Protein backbone atom coordinates (compact mmCIF):
# COMPACT_ATOMS: atom_id res chain seq x y z
CA MET A 1 0.00 0.00 0.00
CA TRP A 2 2.73 2.44 1.01
CA PHE A 3 4.60 1.58 -2.21
CA ARG A 4 1.60 2.59 -4.33
CA ALA A 5 1.26 5.90 -2.44
CA LEU A 6 4.96 6.65 -2.93
CA TRP A 7 4.63 5.98 -6.68
CA VAL A 8 1.67 8.41 -6.97
CA VAL A 9 3.62 11.14 -5.12
CA ALA A 10 6.63 10.71 -7.43
CA LEU A 11 4.38 10.92 -10.51
CA LEU A 12 2.73 14.14 -9.31
CA ALA A 13 6.14 15.67 -8.51
CA GLY A 14 7.39 14.90 -12.02
CA LEU A 15 4.34 16.49 -13.62
CA ALA A 16 4.78 19.56 -11.44
CA LEU A 17 8.42 19.96 -12.47
CA GLN A 18 7.49 19.73 -16.16
CA ALA A 19 4.83 22.39 -15.74
CA VAL A 20 7.23 24.92 -14.19
CA PRO A 21 8.99 25.99 -17.46
CA ALA A 22 5.67 26.25 -19.29
CA ALA A 23 4.27 28.37 -16.50
CA GLU A 24 7.33 30.62 -16.58
CA ASP A 25 7.02 31.06 -20.35
CA SER A 26 3.34 31.85 -20.01
CA ALA A 27 3.98 34.31 -17.23
CA SER A 28 6.72 36.09 -19.15
CA GLY A 29 4.55 36.27 -22.29
CA ALA A 30 7.42 35.11 -24.52
CA ASP A 31 6.46 34.49 -28.15
CA PRO A 32 8.38 32.33 -30.59
CA PRO A 33 10.77 34.40 -32.74
CA PRO A 34 9.54 35.36 -36.24
CA ARG A 35 10.77 33.33 -39.17
CA ALA A 36 11.77 34.41 -42.67
CA THR A 37 12.23 32.17 -45.70
CA VAL A 38 14.77 33.28 -48.30
CA LEU A 39 14.40 32.20 -51.93
CA THR A 40 17.21 32.89 -54.41
CA VAL A 41 16.85 33.34 -58.17
CA ASP A 42 20.08 34.03 -60.04
CA GLY A 43 19.44 33.86 -63.78
CA PRO A 44 16.67 34.21 -66.36
CA ILE A 45 13.04 33.93 -65.29
CA GLY A 46 11.63 30.73 -66.77
CA PRO A 47 9.37 27.77 -65.95
CA ALA A 48 11.84 26.34 -63.42
CA SER A 49 12.31 29.57 -61.45
CA ALA A 50 8.57 30.27 -61.55
CA GLY A 51 7.78 26.84 -60.10
CA TYR A 52 10.52 27.25 -57.49
CA ILE A 53 9.10 30.59 -56.30
CA ARG A 54 5.50 29.38 -56.23
CA ASP A 55 6.41 26.27 -54.24
CA GLY A 56 8.66 28.29 -51.93
CA ILE A 57 5.88 30.73 -51.03
CA ASP A 58 3.45 27.89 -50.35
CA GLU A 59 5.97 26.04 -48.18
CA ALA A 60 6.85 29.19 -46.22
CA ALA A 61 3.17 29.87 -45.50
CA GLU A 62 2.61 26.28 -44.36
CA ASN A 63 5.64 26.45 -42.04
CA GLY A 64 4.41 29.64 -40.38
CA ALA A 65 6.99 32.04 -41.81
CA SER A 66 6.32 35.74 -41.25
CA ILE A 67 7.76 36.84 -44.60
CA VAL A 68 9.35 35.51 -47.79
CA VAL A 69 12.46 37.28 -49.05
CA LEU A 70 13.07 36.78 -52.78
CA ARG A 71 16.75 37.51 -53.44
CA LEU A 72 16.77 38.37 -57.12
CA ASN A 73 19.42 38.79 -59.81
CA THR A 74 17.96 38.39 -63.29
CA PRO A 75 18.43 39.80 -66.80
CA GLY A 76 14.77 39.08 -67.62
CA GLY A 77 12.92 36.06 -68.93
CA LEU A 78 9.65 34.71 -70.24
CA SER A 79 6.54 36.87 -69.91
CA THR A 80 4.39 33.84 -69.03
CA SER A 81 6.70 32.80 -66.19
CA MET A 82 6.93 36.39 -64.92
CA ARG A 83 3.15 36.75 -64.78
CA SER A 84 2.87 33.40 -63.02
CA ILE A 85 5.25 34.63 -60.31
CA ILE A 86 3.44 37.95 -59.95
CA ASP A 87 0.07 36.22 -59.69
CA LYS A 88 1.48 34.11 -56.85
CA ILE A 89 2.90 37.16 -55.05
CA LEU A 90 -0.40 39.04 -55.32
CA ALA A 91 -2.31 36.07 -53.92
CA ALA A 92 0.26 35.14 -51.26
CA PRO A 93 -1.09 34.84 -47.68
CA ILE A 94 2.18 36.26 -46.29
CA PRO A 95 4.27 39.27 -47.36
CA VAL A 96 6.87 38.88 -50.10
CA ALA A 97 9.90 41.18 -50.12
CA THR A 98 11.93 41.23 -53.33
CA TYR A 99 15.55 42.07 -52.61
CA VAL A 100 17.84 42.81 -55.58
CA ALA A 101 21.18 41.47 -54.42
CA PRO A 102 24.13 40.99 -54.14
CA ARG A 103 26.09 44.08 -55.15
CA GLY A 104 26.25 44.30 -58.93
CA ALA A 105 22.99 42.39 -59.40
CA ARG A 106 20.10 43.63 -61.53
CA ALA A 107 16.37 43.28 -61.81
CA ALA A 108 16.05 43.92 -65.53
CA SER A 109 13.00 43.41 -67.73
CA ALA A 110 10.84 40.78 -65.99
CA GLY A 111 12.67 41.46 -62.72
CA THR A 112 11.38 45.05 -62.72
CA TYR A 113 7.76 43.89 -62.87
CA ILE A 114 8.36 41.41 -60.04
CA LEU A 115 9.92 44.17 -57.92
CA TYR A 116 6.92 46.43 -58.55
CA ALA A 117 4.49 43.65 -57.59
CA SER A 118 6.15 42.77 -54.27
CA HIS A 119 4.92 43.97 -50.89
CA VAL A 120 8.41 45.29 -50.14
CA ALA A 121 10.92 46.38 -52.80
CA ALA A 122 14.50 46.50 -51.55
CA MET A 123 17.85 46.79 -53.30
CA ALA A 124 21.44 46.31 -52.28
CA PRO A 125 23.87 49.16 -52.96
CA GLY A 126 25.36 48.98 -56.44
CA THR A 127 22.38 47.24 -58.05
CA THR A 128 20.14 48.34 -60.93
CA LEU A 129 16.69 47.78 -62.38
CA GLY A 130 14.71 48.72 -65.48
CA ALA A 131 14.89 48.08 -69.23
CA ALA A 132 11.41 46.57 -69.17
CA THR A 133 10.57 47.04 -72.86
CA PRO A 134 9.07 43.96 -74.57
CA VAL A 135 11.68 42.60 -76.97
CA GLN A 136 10.75 42.77 -80.64
CA MET A 137 10.96 39.37 -82.27
CA GLY A 138 12.28 38.83 -85.75
CA GLY A 139 15.11 41.36 -85.60
CA GLY A 140 15.15 45.01 -86.48
CA SER A 141 14.04 47.96 -84.44
CA SER A 142 11.33 50.53 -84.69
CA PRO A 143 10.50 53.71 -82.81
CA MET A 144 8.89 53.29 -79.44
CA PRO A 145 5.18 53.94 -79.37
CA GLY A 146 4.29 57.08 -77.49
CA GLY A 147 6.81 59.46 -78.99
CA GLY A 148 9.83 58.55 -76.94
CA GLY A 149 8.30 57.79 -73.62
CA GLY A 150 6.52 60.97 -72.53
CA GLU A 151 3.32 60.97 -70.53
CA ASN A 152 0.40 59.38 -72.34
CA PRO A 153 -2.66 59.77 -70.15
CA GLY A 154 -4.89 58.19 -72.72
CA GLY A 155 -2.89 55.00 -72.65
CA GLY A 156 -2.61 54.88 -76.45
CA ASN A 157 0.42 54.79 -78.69
CA GLY A 158 1.10 58.50 -78.45
CA GLU A 159 -0.33 59.53 -81.83
CA ASP A 160 -3.06 62.12 -82.31
CA PRO A 161 -6.36 60.39 -83.11
CA ALA A 162 -7.37 63.39 -85.21
CA LYS A 163 -4.38 62.82 -87.43
CA GLU A 164 -5.48 59.25 -87.97
CA ASP A 165 -9.14 59.96 -88.76
CA GLY A 166 -9.61 63.64 -89.58
CA GLN A 167 -6.84 64.00 -92.15
CA GLN A 168 -7.48 60.89 -94.17
CA GLY A 169 -9.57 62.70 -96.78
CA GLU A 170 -7.25 65.65 -97.35
CA GLU A 171 -3.90 63.94 -96.94
CA GLY A 172 -4.59 60.44 -98.14
CA GLU A 173 -1.14 59.86 -99.56
CA GLN A 174 0.59 61.06 -96.41
CA THR A 175 -1.66 58.85 -94.28
CA ASP A 176 -0.71 55.84 -96.37
CA GLU A 177 2.97 56.60 -95.87
CA THR A 178 2.68 56.94 -92.10
CA ALA A 179 0.23 54.09 -91.53
CA PRO A 180 1.71 51.54 -89.13
CA SER A 181 2.69 48.17 -90.50
CA ASP A 182 1.58 44.90 -88.95
CA GLY A 183 4.89 44.69 -87.10
CA ASP A 184 4.50 48.20 -85.68
CA ALA A 185 0.91 47.50 -84.67
CA LYS A 186 1.90 44.32 -82.85
CA ARG A 187 4.75 46.14 -81.14
CA ALA A 188 2.46 48.97 -80.06
CA LYS A 189 -0.01 46.44 -78.71
CA ALA A 190 2.69 44.64 -76.68
CA VAL A 191 4.16 47.89 -75.34
CA ASN A 192 0.80 49.36 -74.36
CA ASP A 193 -0.18 46.14 -72.62
CA ALA A 194 3.11 46.16 -70.68
CA VAL A 195 2.61 49.82 -69.74
CA ALA A 196 -0.88 49.14 -68.41
CA TYR A 197 0.40 46.15 -66.45
CA ILE A 198 3.29 47.93 -64.73
CA ARG A 199 1.15 51.01 -63.97
CA ALA A 200 -1.47 48.77 -62.35
CA LEU A 201 1.21 47.15 -60.18
CA ALA A 202 2.62 50.56 -59.27
CA ASP A 203 -0.81 51.87 -58.25
CA LEU A 204 -1.41 48.74 -56.17
CA ARG A 205 1.83 49.16 -54.20
CA GLY A 206 2.00 52.97 -54.19
CA ARG A 207 5.13 53.18 -56.33
CA ASN A 208 6.22 55.49 -59.15
CA ALA A 209 3.96 54.58 -62.07
CA ASP A 210 5.39 57.24 -64.41
CA TRP A 211 8.90 55.85 -64.15
CA GLY A 212 7.53 52.34 -64.65
CA GLU A 213 6.00 53.47 -67.94
CA LYS A 214 9.29 55.09 -68.89
CA ALA A 215 11.09 51.80 -68.21
CA VAL A 216 8.74 50.10 -70.66
CA ARG A 217 8.64 52.72 -73.42
CA GLU A 218 12.24 53.94 -73.28
CA ALA A 219 13.98 50.97 -71.62
CA ALA A 220 15.02 53.34 -68.82
CA THR A 221 17.15 52.07 -65.95
CA LEU A 222 17.92 53.25 -62.41
CA THR A 223 20.62 52.64 -59.85
CA SER A 224 19.59 51.51 -56.39
CA ASP A 225 19.94 54.91 -54.68
CA LYS A 226 18.04 56.71 -57.45
CA ALA A 227 15.34 54.04 -57.30
CA VAL A 228 14.75 54.81 -53.63
CA GLU A 229 14.77 58.58 -54.29
CA GLN A 230 12.16 58.23 -57.06
CA ASN A 231 9.88 55.89 -55.05
CA VAL A 232 10.55 52.91 -57.28
CA ALA A 233 12.16 50.89 -54.48
CA ASP A 234 11.34 51.19 -50.78
CA LEU A 235 14.77 50.99 -49.19
CA LEU A 236 18.43 50.03 -49.44
CA ALA A 237 19.78 47.09 -47.44
CA THR A 238 23.27 45.66 -47.24
CA ASP A 239 22.09 42.10 -46.57
CA VAL A 240 19.03 40.08 -45.60
CA ALA A 241 19.47 40.74 -41.87
CA ASP A 242 19.68 44.48 -42.52
CA LEU A 243 16.55 44.28 -44.67
CA LEU A 244 14.56 42.46 -41.99
CA ALA A 245 15.67 44.95 -39.34
CA LYS A 246 14.71 47.98 -41.46
CA ILE A 247 11.21 46.76 -42.39
CA ASP A 248 10.34 45.73 -38.83
CA GLY A 249 7.20 47.57 -37.71
CA ARG A 250 6.19 48.58 -41.24
CA THR A 251 2.50 48.18 -42.08
CA ILE A 252 1.66 46.73 -45.48
CA GLU A 253 -1.44 45.38 -47.15
CA VAL A 254 -1.56 41.61 -47.64
CA GLY A 255 -4.69 40.56 -49.42
CA LYS A 256 -7.40 42.75 -47.92
CA GLN A 257 -5.80 43.13 -44.49
CA ASP A 258 -3.18 45.48 -43.08
CA VAL A 259 -0.27 43.56 -41.58
CA THR A 260 2.41 45.01 -39.32
CA LEU A 261 5.73 43.32 -39.98
CA ALA A 262 7.60 41.86 -37.02
CA THR A 263 10.86 40.78 -38.63
CA LYS A 264 13.56 42.02 -36.27
CA ASP A 265 15.88 39.19 -35.19
CA ALA A 266 13.88 36.77 -37.33
CA GLN A 267 15.16 33.23 -37.83
CA VAL A 268 16.28 33.10 -41.46
CA THR A 269 15.83 29.86 -43.42
CA GLU A 270 17.44 29.55 -46.84
CA LYS A 271 15.50 27.43 -49.32
CA PRO A 272 17.69 26.68 -52.35
CA MET A 273 16.50 25.00 -55.52
CA ASP A 274 16.24 21.22 -55.11
CA TRP A 275 17.41 18.74 -57.73
CA ARG A 276 14.03 18.74 -59.48
CA ASP A 277 14.11 22.51 -59.96
CA LYS A 278 17.70 22.35 -61.21
CA LEU A 279 16.85 19.51 -63.61
CA LEU A 280 13.85 21.44 -64.95
CA ALA A 281 16.03 24.54 -65.34
CA THR A 282 18.50 22.49 -67.40
CA ILE A 283 16.07 20.73 -69.72
CA THR A 284 13.97 23.87 -70.29
CA ASP A 285 16.98 25.58 -71.82
CA PRO A 286 15.81 25.72 -75.47
CA ASN A 287 19.17 24.48 -76.76
CA VAL A 288 19.16 21.48 -74.41
CA ALA A 289 15.49 20.70 -75.15
CA PHE A 290 16.13 20.83 -78.91
CA ILE A 291 19.16 18.53 -78.66
CA PHE A 292 17.22 16.04 -76.52
CA MET A 293 14.40 15.99 -79.06
CA MET A 294 16.73 15.41 -82.01
CA VAL A 295 18.70 12.68 -80.21
CA GLY A 296 15.35 10.99 -79.62
CA VAL A 297 14.45 11.24 -83.30
CA TYR A 298 17.84 9.87 -84.37
CA GLY A 299 17.50 6.97 -81.93
CA LEU A 300 14.09 6.00 -83.29
CA ILE A 301 15.34 6.20 -86.89
CA PHE A 302 18.29 3.91 -86.09
CA GLU A 303 16.00 1.49 -84.24
CA LEU A 304 13.55 1.32 -87.15
CA SER A 305 16.38 0.79 -89.65
CA ASN A 306 17.96 -1.92 -87.45
CA PRO A 307 15.10 -3.68 -85.63
CA GLY A 308 16.19 -5.44 -82.49
CA ALA A 309 19.10 -3.14 -81.65
CA ILE A 310 17.09 -2.04 -78.57
CA VAL A 311 19.63 0.47 -77.20
CA PRO A 312 18.98 3.18 -79.85
CA GLY A 313 15.24 2.72 -79.41
CA VAL A 314 15.30 2.93 -75.61
CA LEU A 315 17.63 5.93 -75.63
CA GLY A 316 15.57 7.57 -78.36
CA VAL A 317 12.27 7.20 -76.49
CA ILE A 318 13.74 8.59 -73.25
CA CYS A 319 15.36 11.59 -74.94
CA LEU A 320 12.28 12.28 -77.05
CA LEU A 321 10.00 12.27 -73.99
CA ILE A 322 12.34 14.65 -72.14
CA GLY A 323 12.46 16.95 -75.16
CA LEU A 324 8.67 16.91 -75.58
CA TYR A 325 8.20 17.67 -71.86
CA ALA A 326 10.48 20.69 -72.19
CA LEU A 327 8.60 21.83 -75.29
CA ASN A 328 5.35 21.52 -73.32
CA VAL A 329 6.45 24.13 -70.75
CA LEU A 330 8.15 26.45 -73.26
CA PRO A 331 6.36 28.75 -75.73
CA VAL A 332 6.63 26.70 -78.93
CA SER A 333 5.72 27.74 -82.46
CA TYR A 334 3.75 24.88 -83.99
CA ALA A 335 4.71 26.13 -87.45
CA GLY A 336 8.39 25.74 -86.55
CA LEU A 337 7.78 22.27 -85.10
CA ALA A 338 5.87 21.26 -88.25
CA LEU A 339 8.72 22.46 -90.47
CA ILE A 340 11.20 20.38 -88.45
CA LEU A 341 9.06 17.25 -88.81
CA VAL A 342 8.57 17.89 -92.54
CA GLY A 343 12.32 18.37 -92.96
CA ILE A 344 13.05 15.07 -91.21
CA ALA A 345 10.43 13.31 -93.35
CA PHE A 346 11.96 14.71 -96.56
CA MET A 347 15.46 13.61 -95.54
CA VAL A 348 14.28 10.10 -94.68
CA GLY A 349 12.43 10.02 -98.01
CA GLU A 350 15.62 11.00 -99.82
CA ALA A 351 17.42 8.10 -98.16
CA PHE A 352 14.88 5.46 -99.19
CA ALA A 353 13.63 6.98 -102.46
CA PRO A 354 16.55 8.93 -103.98
CA SER A 355 15.47 12.07 -105.88
CA PHE A 356 18.94 13.32 -106.91
CA GLY A 357 19.10 15.54 -103.80
CA ALA A 358 15.80 17.42 -104.18
CA LEU A 359 14.14 15.89 -101.13
CA GLY A 360 17.37 15.97 -99.13
CA LEU A 361 18.16 19.63 -99.76
CA GLY A 362 14.54 20.61 -99.22
CA GLY A 363 14.49 18.67 -95.98
CA ILE A 364 17.65 20.33 -94.68
CA ALA A 365 16.28 23.79 -95.57
CA ALA A 366 12.92 23.08 -93.88
CA PHE A 367 14.68 21.66 -90.83
CA ALA A 368 16.96 24.70 -90.40
CA LEU A 369 14.10 27.17 -90.93
CA GLY A 370 11.86 25.35 -88.46
CA ALA A 371 14.61 25.27 -85.85
CA THR A 372 15.16 29.04 -86.04
CA MET A 373 11.46 29.75 -85.45
CA LEU A 374 10.73 26.91 -83.01
CA PHE A 375 10.38 29.03 -79.85
CA GLU A 376 8.00 32.01 -79.65
CA THR A 377 9.43 34.14 -76.87
CA ASP A 378 10.09 37.80 -76.15
CA SER A 379 13.22 36.92 -74.18
CA PRO A 380 16.60 36.51 -75.87
CA TYR A 381 17.56 34.13 -73.04
CA PHE A 382 15.04 31.54 -74.24
CA GLU A 383 15.94 31.44 -77.93
CA LEU A 384 17.81 28.78 -79.84
CA SER A 385 21.46 29.56 -80.43
CA TYR A 386 22.34 29.76 -84.11
CA TRP A 387 25.35 27.58 -83.33
CA THR A 388 23.00 24.91 -82.00
CA VAL A 389 20.81 25.15 -85.10
CA ALA A 390 23.85 24.96 -87.39
CA GLY A 391 25.38 22.05 -85.47
CA VAL A 392 22.22 19.95 -85.34
CA THR A 393 21.42 20.70 -89.00
CA ALA A 394 24.94 19.70 -90.06
CA THR A 395 24.70 16.51 -87.98
CA THR A 396 21.35 15.66 -89.56
CA GLY A 397 22.75 16.28 -93.04
CA LEU A 398 25.78 14.08 -92.27
CA ILE A 399 23.54 11.26 -91.08
CA LEU A 400 21.54 11.64 -94.30
CA VAL A 401 24.69 11.40 -96.44
CA LEU A 402 25.92 8.32 -94.56
CA LEU A 403 22.52 6.65 -94.86
CA ILE A 404 22.33 7.35 -98.60
CA GLY A 405 25.85 5.97 -99.08
CA TYR A 406 25.00 2.83 -97.13
CA LEU A 407 21.86 2.23 -99.21
CA ALA A 408 23.73 2.90 -102.44
CA ARG A 409 26.37 0.31 -101.55
CA ALA A 410 23.64 -2.14 -100.61
CA GLN A 411 21.99 -1.73 -104.02
CA THR A 412 25.24 -2.39 -105.92
CA ARG A 413 26.26 -5.34 -103.75
CA PRO A 414 26.04 -8.78 -105.48
CA LEU A 415 23.16 -11.03 -104.55
CA ALA A 416 23.86 -13.10 -101.45
CA THR A 417 21.43 -15.91 -102.33
CA GLY A 418 20.81 -18.25 -105.27
CA ARG A 419 22.95 -20.67 -107.29
CA GLU A 420 24.80 -17.80 -108.99
CA THR A 421 26.59 -16.97 -105.76
CA ILE A 422 28.07 -20.48 -105.61
CA VAL A 423 30.14 -19.99 -108.76
CA GLY A 424 33.74 -19.31 -107.79
CA THR A 425 33.47 -20.67 -104.26
CA LEU A 426 35.47 -23.57 -102.85
CA ALA A 427 34.06 -27.02 -102.20
CA ARG A 428 35.38 -30.27 -100.78
CA VAL A 429 34.97 -33.54 -102.67
CA ASP A 430 32.95 -35.99 -100.61
CA GLU A 431 32.91 -38.90 -103.07
CA TRP A 432 34.01 -39.16 -106.72
CA SER A 433 33.95 -41.67 -109.57
CA ALA A 434 34.41 -41.40 -113.34
CA GLY A 435 33.98 -37.62 -113.49
CA HIS A 436 30.88 -37.50 -111.28
CA GLY A 437 30.31 -37.39 -107.56
CA ARG A 438 29.26 -35.23 -104.65
CA VAL A 439 30.86 -32.13 -103.08
CA VAL A 440 30.25 -30.24 -99.82
CA ILE A 441 29.80 -26.43 -99.65
CA SER A 442 29.17 -24.85 -96.23
CA GLY A 443 27.73 -28.11 -94.95
CA GLU A 444 25.47 -28.61 -97.99
CA TYR A 445 25.86 -31.58 -100.35
CA TRP A 446 25.71 -30.95 -104.10
CA ASN A 447 25.90 -33.24 -107.11
CA ALA A 448 28.93 -32.37 -109.23
CA ARG A 449 30.82 -33.27 -112.39
CA GLY A 450 34.35 -32.51 -113.43
CA PRO A 451 37.73 -34.09 -114.17
CA ALA A 452 37.88 -37.85 -113.64
CA ASP A 453 41.05 -37.72 -111.55
CA LEU A 454 39.53 -35.90 -108.56
CA GLU A 455 39.74 -37.62 -105.20
CA ALA A 456 37.70 -37.57 -101.99
CA GLY A 457 38.77 -34.76 -99.66
CA GLN A 458 40.29 -32.68 -102.45
CA GLN A 459 39.54 -28.94 -102.65
CA VAL A 460 37.78 -27.88 -105.84
CA ARG A 461 36.33 -24.66 -107.20
CA VAL A 462 32.85 -24.30 -108.66
CA THR A 463 32.92 -23.01 -112.25
CA ALA A 464 29.24 -23.38 -113.24
CA ALA A 465 25.83 -24.39 -111.90
CA GLU A 466 23.05 -26.08 -113.86
CA GLY A 467 19.99 -26.99 -111.83
CA LEU A 468 21.20 -28.97 -108.84
CA THR A 469 24.46 -30.07 -110.49
CA LEU A 470 27.69 -28.12 -110.21
CA THR A 471 30.70 -28.13 -112.50
CA VAL A 472 33.98 -28.11 -110.59
CA GLU A 473 37.71 -28.05 -111.22
CA PRO A 474 40.75 -28.45 -108.98
CA ALA A 475 41.25 -25.37 -106.78
CA PRO A 476 44.48 -23.34 -107.06
CA PRO A 477 46.91 -24.22 -104.29
CA THR A 478 46.90 -20.65 -102.90
CA GLN A 479 43.12 -20.42 -102.47
CA GLN A 480 41.85 -21.39 -99.03
CA PRO A 481 38.40 -22.71 -98.12
CA GLY A 482 35.94 -19.94 -97.30
CA GLU A 483 37.59 -17.29 -99.50
CA ALA A 484 35.34 -14.95 -101.47
CA PRO A 485 35.04 -15.73 -105.17
CA TRP A 486 37.80 -14.32 -107.34
CA GLN A 487 36.66 -11.52 -109.64
CA PRO A 488 38.58 -10.29 -112.67
CA THR A 489 39.81 -6.68 -112.49
CA SER A 490 39.09 -5.87 -116.10
């Protein structure tokens, strides 16, 4: 009985000791320190970086982070990926601070839009932003819509509507000369859309909308200190810790609620790209994706021309699937893809149905043209390198030449079956009598006739074949069994 009572007392004492620290914490009112998640993007904005940022924001919110710091250094990137990132920032349940760093970094083109969209815009000393003009595809340059980037309250392309409509009757010829081409109209449409987008982001975050428009129309840029002076960026910070200390206590709008940041002495967690993000970043490089796709096509062609090889087929299927996956997440021109497929079909047709080079040359031309227009993007960082196009086209042409040569040799090669191929080969006399007997060729027995003095086991050479009977003669001493038939040189 006394043992049971002693056990109960010990249990209660243990529980009391465990409750003391909790009671002290409750009495002191201590809260857990705030946490900040740092994401780092160093390179072009593409599908991989967009997925990395979206997943990073979701993970930070699930882990109870107070803020996400996006450390950014980018020359620009794909418009679709940029808008995907901005949509995620605007819908994020926690604040997102974009920090252009380290020293010497830039937030150019797509990076400028992301900076404008963030709850906090910070820059390290010695960094820059701007040059947010949509890149004109197809080469060449044209004047910026809006007359060089001045204010355009109407949001148009900067031209006087009266000049477009009211002067058509009196100055018809002049109107025809100054009418915008399709390329200029498309450019004006892209620029005006970008202007409206960056102004909307600036109004949402209370930043300098006029300079944002200037960055789009004139490709203007700013240094970090000038960006703070002109209300493009919120503050300068030497590092992440300095940034978190400076924004502590600031009130910002997250969703529809005002949130006061408590970021001083926050626990900082770095979240680098994992292997999946790095793999996606590698295979979504247009040059890598194109090479994967072509290796897959070559592998399938070799497998179909040599059934049962297995290795080319397996490698081809894997590479082709990787290439097609990359094409699925990149902006692809279906016209360019169709030209590539037509070019390959023409080159294969030239190999199996020779047309004196017409199909082959046409296929190479279609292939090269399709490769140059395969990706529809406004970012020079997601275009095919001309060296890649030239190298793959030359490789494809070389494979075509080798295949044609192989087929040509196959067509001129002597028949490998039939009695005609036996003439000139060696045989061994199995039995012989009075000019007739039986000989053995490659394990096959044939009736034969020839000189009467032949003996069993003697080597003979076939000189003619009539039906199932061969005509033989003694073989030269230098000829060995299994040698190819002798052919005259003239």
